[in-house]
């Protein structure tokens, strides 16, 4: 089993609605930001195994099969994490998002961290 976390810089609307749109690669109302791209790069640099659990697809995923749009990496990051992910690792991901001034949203709990 897994759960999703979403990260973005700035977006119009309620966080759960934003996540629903992002899950469909609809970035209407979401502002692109180089901070999102830097977060994504730092995330994959620190935890390269997340490449199999990150969306949207972008060229930084190298050999992995592309799917969906390829122009969304500046808008958002979503992670599909195992329920067994250690709390300390999750805290490190959220801390990294904060360092890049991103919003973190957990649609399973409705919790938003800014």
Protein backbone atom coordinates (compact mmCIF):
# COMPACT_ATOMS: atom_id res chain seq x y z
CA UNK A 1 0.00 0.00 0.00
CA UNK A 2 1.09 3.56 -0.60
CA UNK A 3 0.04 7.14 -0.06
CA UNK A 4 0.61 10.32 -2.00
CA UNK A 5 2.23 13.59 -1.02
CA UNK A 6 2.06 16.69 -3.22
CA UNK A 7 4.37 19.69 -3.30
CA UNK A 8 3.94 23.04 -5.06
CA UNK A 9 5.01 26.65 -4.68
CA UNK A 10 1.78 28.58 -5.17
CA UNK A 11 -1.70 27.59 -6.30
CA UNK A 12 -5.24 28.89 -6.29
CA UNK A 13 -7.89 26.78 -4.59
CA UNK A 14 -8.31 24.30 -1.79
CA UNK A 15 -5.39 21.88 -1.32
CA UNK A 16 -7.48 18.72 -1.87
CA UNK A 17 -8.91 20.18 -5.09
CA UNK A 18 -5.42 21.16 -6.23
CA UNK A 19 -4.20 17.60 -5.63
CA UNK A 20 -7.13 16.15 -7.57
CA UNK A 21 -6.24 18.37 -10.53
CA UNK A 22 -2.53 17.63 -10.29
CA UNK A 23 -3.23 13.89 -10.24
CA UNK A 24 -4.75 14.44 -13.69
CA UNK A 25 -1.79 16.62 -14.73
CA UNK A 26 -4.05 19.68 -14.79
CA UNK A 27 -1.94 22.60 -13.59
CA UNK A 28 -4.57 25.29 -13.99
CA UNK A 29 -4.12 27.79 -11.16
CA UNK A 30 -0.71 26.38 -10.18
CA UNK A 31 2.25 28.69 -10.66
CA UNK A 32 5.45 27.21 -12.08
CA UNK A 33 8.57 27.83 -9.99
CA UNK A 34 12.24 27.07 -10.20
CA UNK A 35 11.98 26.25 -6.47
CA UNK A 36 9.90 23.20 -7.41
CA UNK A 37 12.55 22.08 -9.89
CA UNK A 38 15.34 22.62 -7.35
CA UNK A 39 13.37 20.64 -4.74
CA UNK A 40 12.88 17.81 -7.23
CA UNK A 41 16.60 17.79 -8.05
CA UNK A 42 17.59 17.79 -4.38
CA UNK A 43 15.06 15.06 -3.63
CA UNK A 44 16.35 12.78 -6.38
CA UNK A 45 19.95 13.61 -5.49
CA UNK A 46 19.44 12.55 -1.90
CA UNK A 47 17.06 9.64 -2.53
CA UNK A 48 17.62 8.36 -6.09
CA UNK A 49 15.28 5.41 -5.43
CA UNK A 50 12.38 7.89 -5.42
CA UNK A 51 12.73 8.14 -9.21
CA UNK A 52 10.31 5.22 -9.43
CA UNK A 53 7.82 7.00 -7.15
CA UNK A 54 7.90 10.58 -8.41
CA UNK A 55 5.66 12.44 -10.80
CA UNK A 56 5.39 14.16 -13.17
CA UNK A 57 7.73 12.53 -15.61
CA UNK A 58 10.64 14.73 -16.70
CA UNK A 59 13.95 14.14 -18.50
CA UNK A 60 15.79 13.90 -15.14
CA UNK A 61 14.34 10.40 -14.82
CA UNK A 62 16.68 9.29 -17.62
CA UNK A 63 15.90 5.76 -18.79
CA UNK A 64 12.55 5.41 -17.06
CA UNK A 65 9.63 5.11 -19.43
CA UNK A 66 8.10 8.52 -20.08
CA UNK A 67 4.38 8.87 -19.50
CA UNK A 68 2.13 11.87 -19.58
CA UNK A 69 3.20 15.41 -20.24
CA UNK A 70 6.88 16.29 -20.08
CA UNK A 71 6.51 19.99 -19.29
CA UNK A 72 5.22 19.94 -15.71
CA UNK A 73 8.36 19.62 -13.55
CA UNK A 74 8.25 23.31 -12.58
CA UNK A 75 4.63 23.09 -11.39
CA UNK A 76 4.54 20.28 -8.84
CA UNK A 77 6.04 17.11 -7.44
CA UNK A 78 4.03 14.17 -6.23
CA UNK A 79 5.47 11.23 -4.39
CA UNK A 80 3.90 7.84 -3.95
CA UNK A 81 5.38 6.53 -0.72
CA UNK A 82 5.11 3.21 1.01
CA UNK A 83 3.07 3.13 4.19
CA UNK A 84 6.22 1.64 5.70
CA UNK A 85 8.23 4.82 5.01
CA UNK A 86 10.01 5.74 8.20
CA UNK A 87 8.75 8.85 9.95
CA UNK A 88 12.26 10.31 10.02
CA UNK A 89 12.61 9.97 6.24
CA UNK A 90 9.22 11.59 5.76
CA UNK A 91 10.24 14.44 8.07
CA UNK A 92 13.41 14.90 6.02
CA UNK A 93 11.37 15.18 2.79
CA UNK A 94 9.03 17.75 4.38
CA UNK A 95 12.02 19.69 5.75
CA UNK A 96 13.55 19.74 2.28
CA UNK A 97 10.27 21.07 0.87
CA UNK A 98 10.24 23.81 3.52
CA UNK A 99 13.80 24.76 2.61
CA UNK A 100 12.50 25.38 -0.93
CA UNK A 101 9.45 27.28 0.39
CA UNK A 102 6.99 24.73 -0.97
CA UNK A 103 3.57 23.73 0.23
CA UNK A 104 3.31 20.06 1.24
CA UNK A 105 -0.12 18.44 1.16
CA UNK A 106 -1.21 14.98 2.24
CA UNK A 107 -4.60 14.34 0.57
CA UNK A 108 -5.16 11.24 2.71
CA UNK A 109 -5.30 13.29 5.92
CA UNK A 110 -6.06 16.72 4.47
CA UNK A 111 -2.98 18.08 6.27
CA UNK A 112 -1.17 20.97 4.61
CA UNK A 113 2.28 22.07 5.72
CA UNK A 114 3.60 25.45 4.64
